[in-house]
Amino acid sequence: MSARRLKSTILLAGVAANGLILIAWTQQWFTVALALDQAGGGPVVVGGDVAAAGLSALALAGLALVGALSIAGPAFRLVLGVLQALIGATVTLSSVLAIADPVSASAAAVTEATGVSGESSVASLVQSASTSAWPYLAAVLGVLGVALGVAIVVTVRRWPQSSRKYQAAQFDPESRSAIDPADRGAPAREPDAIADWDALSDGGDPTSR
């Protein structure tokens, strides 16, 4: 695989993985059945925004990281690769914790529906909790994020150099004279009231000469 295609593939995979994590966060994760119809006659539906609230911030951070990665230099790419792996690991950990204890992950939604708070009180109300496929998908996407971070670190030296337009511009006198050789050694301009007025009208500073 060519260096340019390798870079494009990793960047696209990063956008897709973090975008899907954000979608998973908006979906239904758990359906909680409560004792004595405490929810007003129906089960409590718990979304990813309640069960794993931090996933949205992690996904947005991952998307921003991909944008920075596309223009970063080799050294900064290594740092971003490590950060991507950490983001993926955190997504997986958040999802696995929610899957392992859906009652605790759903506590805020149960409290809102019933007015009952406290870990033990909420647990006593819950009869059962069913889990959808979305938290599992989020966990898998987190693992993919870790793999992407490792791939970035391993392959970063094979990536093509970033475009010159993102490099720092030089504003020292030597560089200006190199850019415009005609200005080198040019005689100083005589003061001209009309030219100064035109420069001022155009937003320039006639005294800068």
C-alpha atoms as a PDB file:
ATOM      1  CA  MET A   1       0.000   0.000   0.000  1.00  0.00           C
ATOM      2  CA  SER A   2       1.361   3.418  -0.924  1.00  0.00           C
ATOM      3  CA  ALA A   3       2.128   5.958   1.781  1.00  0.00           C
ATOM      4  CA  ARG A   4      -0.632   8.314   0.650  1.00  0.00           C
ATOM      5  CA  ARG A   5      -3.226   5.544   0.549  1.00  0.00           C
ATOM      6  CA  LEU A   6      -2.135   4.274   3.959  1.00  0.00           C
ATOM      7  CA  LYS A   7      -2.624   7.721   5.456  1.00  0.00           C
ATOM      8  CA  SER A   8      -6.028   8.165   3.778  1.00  0.00           C
ATOM      9  CA  THR A   9      -7.213   4.742   4.947  1.00  0.00           C
ATOM     10  CA  ILE A  10      -6.278   5.419   8.580  1.00  0.00           C
ATOM     11  CA  LEU A  11      -7.869   8.872   8.529  1.00  0.00           C
ATOM     12  CA  LEU A  12     -11.109   7.553   7.004  1.00  0.00           C
ATOM     13  CA  ALA A  13     -11.204   4.713   9.525  1.00  0.00           C
ATOM     14  CA  GLY A  14     -10.774   7.252  12.329  1.00  0.00           C
ATOM     15  CA  VAL A  15     -13.644   9.392  11.046  1.00  0.00           C
ATOM     16  CA  ALA A  16     -15.897   6.340  10.628  1.00  0.00           C
ATOM     17  CA  ALA A  17     -15.100   4.852  14.058  1.00  0.00           C
ATOM     18  CA  ASN A  18     -15.564   8.091  15.993  1.00  0.00           C
ATOM     19  CA  GLY A  19     -18.676   8.986  14.000  1.00  0.00           C
ATOM     20  CA  LEU A  20     -20.236   5.598  14.791  1.00  0.00           C
ATOM     21  CA  ILE A  21     -19.380   6.020  18.473  1.00  0.00           C
ATOM     22  CA  LEU A  22     -21.276   9.301  18.432  1.00  0.00           C
ATOM     23  CA  ILE A  23     -24.254   7.586  16.755  1.00  0.00           C
ATOM     24  CA  ALA A  24     -24.160   4.731  19.284  1.00  0.00           C
ATOM     25  CA  TRP A  25     -24.250   7.283  22.101  1.00  0.00           C
ATOM     26  CA  THR A  26     -27.587   8.613  20.811  1.00  0.00           C
ATOM     27  CA  GLN A  27     -29.272   5.188  20.682  1.00  0.00           C
ATOM     28  CA  GLN A  28     -31.191   3.035  23.177  1.00  0.00           C
ATOM     29  CA  TRP A  29     -28.866   0.908  25.318  1.00  0.00           C
ATOM     30  CA  PHE A  30     -31.092  -0.648  27.999  1.00  0.00           C
ATOM     31  CA  THR A  31     -34.748  -1.327  28.700  1.00  0.00           C
ATOM     32  CA  VAL A  32     -35.429  -1.520  32.429  1.00  0.00           C
ATOM     33  CA  ALA A  33     -38.553  -3.179  33.838  1.00  0.00           C
ATOM     34  CA  LEU A  34     -39.560  -1.849  37.257  1.00  0.00           C
ATOM     35  CA  ALA A  35     -41.527  -3.438  40.087  1.00  0.00           C
ATOM     36  CA  LEU A  36     -45.108  -2.352  40.752  1.00  0.00           C
ATOM     37  CA  ASP A  37     -45.243  -0.251  37.561  1.00  0.00           C
ATOM     38  CA  GLN A  38     -43.260   2.524  39.223  1.00  0.00           C
ATOM     39  CA  ALA A  39     -42.564   4.068  35.830  1.00  0.00           C
ATOM     40  CA  GLY A  40     -46.215   4.764  35.232  1.00  0.00           C
ATOM     41  CA  GLY A  41     -47.191   1.586  33.455  1.00  0.00           C
ATOM     42  CA  GLY A  42     -44.162   0.931  31.242  1.00  0.00           C
ATOM     43  CA  PRO A  43     -40.477   0.105  31.203  1.00  0.00           C
ATOM     44  CA  VAL A  44     -37.779   2.752  31.383  1.00  0.00           C
ATOM     45  CA  VAL A  45     -35.796   3.217  28.179  1.00  0.00           C
ATOM     46  CA  VAL A  46     -32.179   4.193  28.813  1.00  0.00           C
ATOM     47  CA  GLY A  47     -30.059   5.768  26.096  1.00  0.00           C
ATOM     48  CA  GLY A  48     -26.323   5.890  25.714  1.00  0.00           C
ATOM     49  CA  ASP A  49     -26.370   9.539  26.770  1.00  0.00           C
ATOM     50  CA  VAL A  50     -27.362   8.323  30.258  1.00  0.00           C
ATOM     51  CA  ALA A  51     -25.567   4.976  30.444  1.00  0.00           C
ATOM     52  CA  ALA A  52     -22.244   6.304  29.114  1.00  0.00           C
ATOM     53  CA  ALA A  53     -22.500  10.081  29.052  1.00  0.00           C
ATOM     54  CA  GLY A  54     -18.826  10.661  28.328  1.00  0.00           C
ATOM     55  CA  LEU A  55     -18.897   8.914  24.947  1.00  0.00           C
ATOM     56  CA  SER A  56     -20.003  12.034  23.095  1.00  0.00           C
ATOM     57  CA  ALA A  57     -17.021  14.059  24.326  1.00  0.00           C
ATOM     58  CA  LEU A  58     -14.663  11.179  23.491  1.00  0.00           C
ATOM     59  CA  ALA A  59     -16.086  10.810  19.980  1.00  0.00           C
ATOM     60  CA  LEU A  60     -15.849  14.540  19.281  1.00  0.00           C
ATOM     61  CA  ALA A  61     -12.289  14.554  20.603  1.00  0.00           C
ATOM     62  CA  GLY A  62     -11.496  11.667  18.267  1.00  0.00           C
ATOM     63  CA  LEU A  63     -12.904  13.513  15.274  1.00  0.00           C
ATOM     64  CA  ALA A  64     -10.903  16.623  16.140  1.00  0.00           C
ATOM     65  CA  LEU A  65      -7.826  14.436  16.527  1.00  0.00           C
ATOM     66  CA  VAL A  66      -8.275  13.038  13.016  1.00  0.00           C
ATOM     67  CA  GLY A  67      -8.464  16.580  11.645  1.00  0.00           C
ATOM     68  CA  ALA A  68      -5.246  17.541  13.419  1.00  0.00           C
ATOM     69  CA  LEU A  69      -3.605  14.313  12.311  1.00  0.00           C
ATOM     70  CA  SER A  70      -4.163  15.140   8.646  1.00  0.00           C
ATOM     71  CA  ILE A  71      -1.861  18.185   8.825  1.00  0.00           C
ATOM     72  CA  ALA A  72       0.483  17.268  11.696  1.00  0.00           C
ATOM     73  CA  GLY A  73       4.192  16.663  11.381  1.00  0.00           C
ATOM     74  CA  PRO A  74       5.852  13.304  12.159  1.00  0.00           C
ATOM     75  CA  ALA A  75       6.614  14.018  15.829  1.00  0.00           C
ATOM     76  CA  PHE A  76       3.129  15.338  16.609  1.00  0.00           C
ATOM     77  CA  ARG A  77       1.578  12.341  14.808  1.00  0.00           C
ATOM     78  CA  LEU A  78       3.149  10.035  17.383  1.00  0.00           C
ATOM     79  CA  VAL A  79       1.507  12.009  20.191  1.00  0.00           C
ATOM     80  CA  LEU A  80      -1.851  11.953  18.401  1.00  0.00           C
ATOM     81  CA  GLY A  81      -1.553   8.216  17.824  1.00  0.00           C
ATOM     82  CA  VAL A  82      -1.093   7.622  21.541  1.00  0.00           C
ATOM     83  CA  LEU A  83      -4.046   9.905  22.305  1.00  0.00           C
ATOM     84  CA  GLN A  84      -6.231   8.011  19.823  1.00  0.00           C
ATOM     85  CA  ALA A  85      -5.366   4.742  21.545  1.00  0.00           C
ATOM     86  CA  LEU A  86      -6.264   6.250  24.932  1.00  0.00           C
ATOM     87  CA  ILE A  87      -9.581   7.545  23.590  1.00  0.00           C
ATOM     88  CA  GLY A  88     -10.425   4.117  22.194  1.00  0.00           C
ATOM     89  CA  ALA A  89      -9.515   2.413  25.465  1.00  0.00           C
ATOM     90  CA  THR A  90     -11.713   4.832  27.434  1.00  0.00           C
ATOM     91  CA  VAL A  91     -14.660   4.235  25.082  1.00  0.00           C
ATOM     92  CA  THR A  92     -14.310   0.481  25.523  1.00  0.00           C
ATOM     93  CA  LEU A  93     -14.002   0.777  29.309  1.00  0.00           C
ATOM     94  CA  SER A  94     -17.102   3.003  29.573  1.00  0.00           C
ATOM     95  CA  SER A  95     -19.145   0.638  27.409  1.00  0.00           C
ATOM     96  CA  VAL A  96     -18.020  -2.524  29.238  1.00  0.00           C
ATOM     97  CA  LEU A  97     -18.789  -0.991  32.640  1.00  0.00           C
ATOM     98  CA  ALA A  98     -22.307  -0.125  31.468  1.00  0.00           C
ATOM     99  CA  ILE A  99     -22.849  -3.632  30.059  1.00  0.00           C
ATOM    100  CA  ALA A 100     -21.551  -5.239  33.247  1.00  0.00           C
ATOM    101  CA  ASP A 101     -23.914  -3.249  35.506  1.00  0.00           C
ATOM    102  CA  PRO A 102     -26.927  -1.977  33.566  1.00  0.00           C
ATOM    103  CA  VAL A 103     -28.802  -1.130  36.762  1.00  0.00           C
ATOM    104  CA  SER A 104     -26.171   1.364  37.889  1.00  0.00           C
ATOM    105  CA  ALA A 105     -25.833   2.702  34.348  1.00  0.00           C
ATOM    106  CA  SER A 106     -29.611   3.247  34.250  1.00  0.00           C
ATOM    107  CA  ALA A 107     -29.950   4.740  37.737  1.00  0.00           C
ATOM    108  CA  ALA A 108     -30.312   8.343  36.541  1.00  0.00           C
ATOM    109  CA  ALA A 109     -33.128   7.392  34.151  1.00  0.00           C
ATOM    110  CA  VAL A 110     -34.912   5.350  36.829  1.00  0.00           C
ATOM    111  CA  THR A 111     -34.643   8.231  39.302  1.00  0.00           C
ATOM    112  CA  GLU A 112     -36.108  10.633  36.740  1.00  0.00           C
ATOM    113  CA  ALA A 113     -39.016   8.270  36.040  1.00  0.00           C
ATOM    114  CA  THR A 114     -39.852   7.366  39.634  1.00  0.00           C
ATOM    115  CA  GLY A 115     -38.371  10.046  41.854  1.00  0.00           C
ATOM    116  CA  VAL A 116     -36.558   7.342  43.810  1.00  0.00           C
ATOM    117  CA  SER A 117     -32.853   7.953  44.327  1.00  0.00           C
ATOM    118  CA  GLY A 118     -30.037   6.064  45.962  1.00  0.00           C
ATOM    119  CA  GLU A 119     -28.211   3.027  44.603  1.00  0.00           C
ATOM    120  CA  SER A 120     -29.900   0.445  46.840  1.00  0.00           C
ATOM    121  CA  SER A 121     -33.369   1.981  46.441  1.00  0.00           C
ATOM    122  CA  VAL A 122     -33.101   2.049  42.663  1.00  0.00           C
ATOM    123  CA  ALA A 123     -31.789  -1.527  42.579  1.00  0.00           C
ATOM    124  CA  SER A 124     -34.763  -2.715  44.636  1.00  0.00           C
ATOM    125  CA  LEU A 125     -37.163  -1.284  42.041  1.00  0.00           C
ATOM    126  CA  VAL A 126     -35.539  -2.955  39.049  1.00  0.00           C
ATOM    127  CA  GLN A 127     -36.960  -6.339  38.090  1.00  0.00           C
ATOM    128  CA  SER A 128     -34.938  -6.847  34.906  1.00  0.00           C
ATOM    129  CA  ALA A 129     -32.805  -4.994  32.407  1.00  0.00           C
ATOM    130  CA  SER A 130     -32.375  -5.983  28.773  1.00  0.00           C
ATOM    131  CA  THR A 131     -29.402  -4.778  26.747  1.00  0.00           C
ATOM    132  CA  SER A 132     -29.457  -3.758  23.072  1.00  0.00           C
ATOM    133  CA  ALA A 133     -26.622  -4.223  20.597  1.00  0.00           C
ATOM    134  CA  TRP A 134     -25.477  -0.585  20.785  1.00  0.00           C
ATOM    135  CA  PRO A 135     -23.269  -0.787  23.907  1.00  0.00           C
ATOM    136  CA  TYR A 136     -21.545  -3.845  22.438  1.00  0.00           C
ATOM    137  CA  LEU A 137     -20.981  -1.957  19.204  1.00  0.00           C
ATOM    138  CA  ALA A 138     -19.537   0.978  21.151  1.00  0.00           C
ATOM    139  CA  ALA A 139     -17.144  -1.387  22.941  1.00  0.00           C
ATOM    140  CA  VAL A 140     -15.994  -2.882  19.628  1.00  0.00           C
ATOM    141  CA  LEU A 141     -15.518   0.590  18.158  1.00  0.00           C
ATOM    142  CA  GLY A 142     -13.394   1.497  21.156  1.00  0.00           C
ATOM    143  CA  VAL A 143     -11.153  -1.502  20.434  1.00  0.00           C
ATOM    144  CA  LEU A 144     -10.939  -0.336  16.827  1.00  0.00           C
ATOM    145  CA  GLY A 145      -9.894   3.085  18.120  1.00  0.00           C
ATOM    146  CA  VAL A 146      -7.058   1.479  20.082  1.00  0.00           C
ATOM    147  CA  ALA A 147      -5.970  -0.426  16.973  1.00  0.00           C
ATOM    148  CA  LEU A 148      -6.013   2.797  14.949  1.00  0.00           C
ATOM    149  CA  GLY A 149      -3.833   4.515  17.539  1.00  0.00           C
ATOM    150  CA  VAL A 150      -1.322   1.687  17.384  1.00  0.00           C
ATOM    151  CA  ALA A 151      -1.402   1.749  13.572  1.00  0.00           C
ATOM    152  CA  ILE A 152      -0.684   5.474  13.577  1.00  0.00           C
ATOM    153  CA  VAL A 153       2.332   5.054  15.863  1.00  0.00           C
ATOM    154  CA  VAL A 154       3.707   2.110  13.865  1.00  0.00           C
ATOM    155  CA  THR A 155       3.231   3.549  10.366  1.00  0.00           C
ATOM    156  CA  VAL A 156       3.665   7.280  10.982  1.00  0.00           C
ATOM    157  CA  ARG A 157       7.133   7.434   9.440  1.00  0.00           C
ATOM    158  CA  ARG A 158       5.789   6.041   6.184  1.00  0.00           C
ATOM    159  CA  TRP A 159       3.224   8.822   5.758  1.00  0.00           C
ATOM    160  CA  PRO A 160       3.848  11.561   3.195  1.00  0.00           C
ATOM    161  CA  GLN A 161       4.942  14.941   4.453  1.00  0.00           C
ATOM    162  CA  SER A 162       2.225  17.499   5.216  1.00  0.00           C
ATOM    163  CA  SER A 163       1.577  20.261   2.708  1.00  0.00           C
ATOM    164  CA  ARG A 164       3.979  23.260   2.777  1.00  0.00           C
ATOM    165  CA  LYS A 165       1.049  25.633   3.132  1.00  0.00           C
ATOM    166  CA  TYR A 166       0.688  24.508   6.771  1.00  0.00           C
ATOM    167  CA  GLN A 167       4.317  25.285   7.607  1.00  0.00           C
ATOM    168  CA  ALA A 168       5.210  28.465   9.489  1.00  0.00           C
ATOM    169  CA  ALA A 169       5.695  31.517   7.322  1.00  0.00           C
ATOM    170  CA  GLN A 170       8.934  33.502   7.492  1.00  0.00           C
ATOM    171  CA  PHE A 171       8.702  37.259   7.970  1.00  0.00           C
ATOM    172  CA  ASP A 172      12.334  38.250   8.504  1.00  0.00           C
ATOM    173  CA  PRO A 173      13.844  40.866   6.167  1.00  0.00           C
ATOM    174  CA  GLU A 174      16.041  38.337   4.371  1.00  0.00           C
ATOM    175  CA  SER A 175      13.093  36.177   3.401  1.00  0.00           C
ATOM    176  CA  ARG A 176      11.175  39.179   2.132  1.00  0.00           C
ATOM    177  CA  SER A 177      14.059  40.237  -0.026  1.00  0.00           C
ATOM    178  CA  ALA A 178      14.395  36.679  -1.279  1.00  0.00           C
ATOM    179  CA  ILE A 179      10.741  36.588  -2.227  1.00  0.00           C
ATOM    180  CA  ASP A 180      10.930  39.887  -4.074  1.00  0.00           C
ATOM    181  CA  PRO A 181      14.448  40.487  -5.445  1.00  0.00           C
ATOM    182  CA  ALA A 182      13.303  43.692  -7.116  1.00  0.00           C
ATOM    183  CA  ASP A 183      12.966  45.281  -3.674  1.00  0.00           C
ATOM    184  CA  ARG A 184      16.583  44.530  -2.760  1.00  0.00           C
ATOM    185  CA  GLY A 185      18.584  47.729  -2.751  1.00  0.00           C
ATOM    186  CA  ALA A 186      15.634  49.796  -4.025  1.00  0.00           C
ATOM    187  CA  PRO A 187      15.876  53.499  -3.139  1.00  0.00           C
ATOM    188  CA  ALA A 188      13.589  54.914  -0.484  1.00  0.00           C
ATOM    189  CA  ARG A 189      10.405  56.483  -1.796  1.00  0.00           C
ATOM    190  CA  GLU A 190       9.900  60.228  -1.551  1.00  0.00           C
ATOM    191  CA  PRO A 191       6.920  61.321   0.511  1.00  0.00           C
ATOM    192  CA  ASP A 192       3.822  61.660  -1.636  1.00  0.00           C
ATOM    193  CA  ALA A 193       0.682  63.133  -0.043  1.00  0.00           C
ATOM    194  CA  ILE A 194      -1.648  61.707  -2.716  1.00  0.00           C
ATOM    195  CA  ALA A 195      -0.152  58.211  -2.463  1.00  0.00           C
ATOM    196  CA  ASP A 196      -0.330  58.419   1.324  1.00  0.00           C
ATOM    197  CA  TRP A 197      -3.996  59.391   1.166  1.00  0.00           C
ATOM    198  CA  ASP A 198      -4.741  56.498  -1.229  1.00  0.00           C
ATOM    199  CA  ALA A 199      -2.937  54.056   1.055  1.00  0.00           C
ATOM    200  CA  LEU A 200      -4.893  55.324   4.056  1.00  0.00           C
ATOM    201  CA  SER A 201      -8.173  54.966   2.128  1.00  0.00           C
ATOM    202  CA  ASP A 202      -7.271  51.359   1.311  1.00  0.00           C
ATOM    203  CA  GLY A 203      -6.672  50.576   4.986  1.00  0.00           C
ATOM    204  CA  GLY A 204      -2.884  50.776   4.782  1.00  0.00           C
ATOM    205  CA  ASP A 205      -0.455  52.656   6.980  1.00  0.00           C
ATOM    206  CA  PRO A 206       1.488  55.265   4.964  1.00  0.00           C
ATOM    207  CA  THR A 207       3.930  55.780   7.840  1.00  0.00           C
ATOM    208  CA  SER A 208       5.119  52.157   7.563  1.00  0.00           C
ATOM    209  CA  ARG A 209       7.505  53.205   4.840  1.00  0.00           C
END
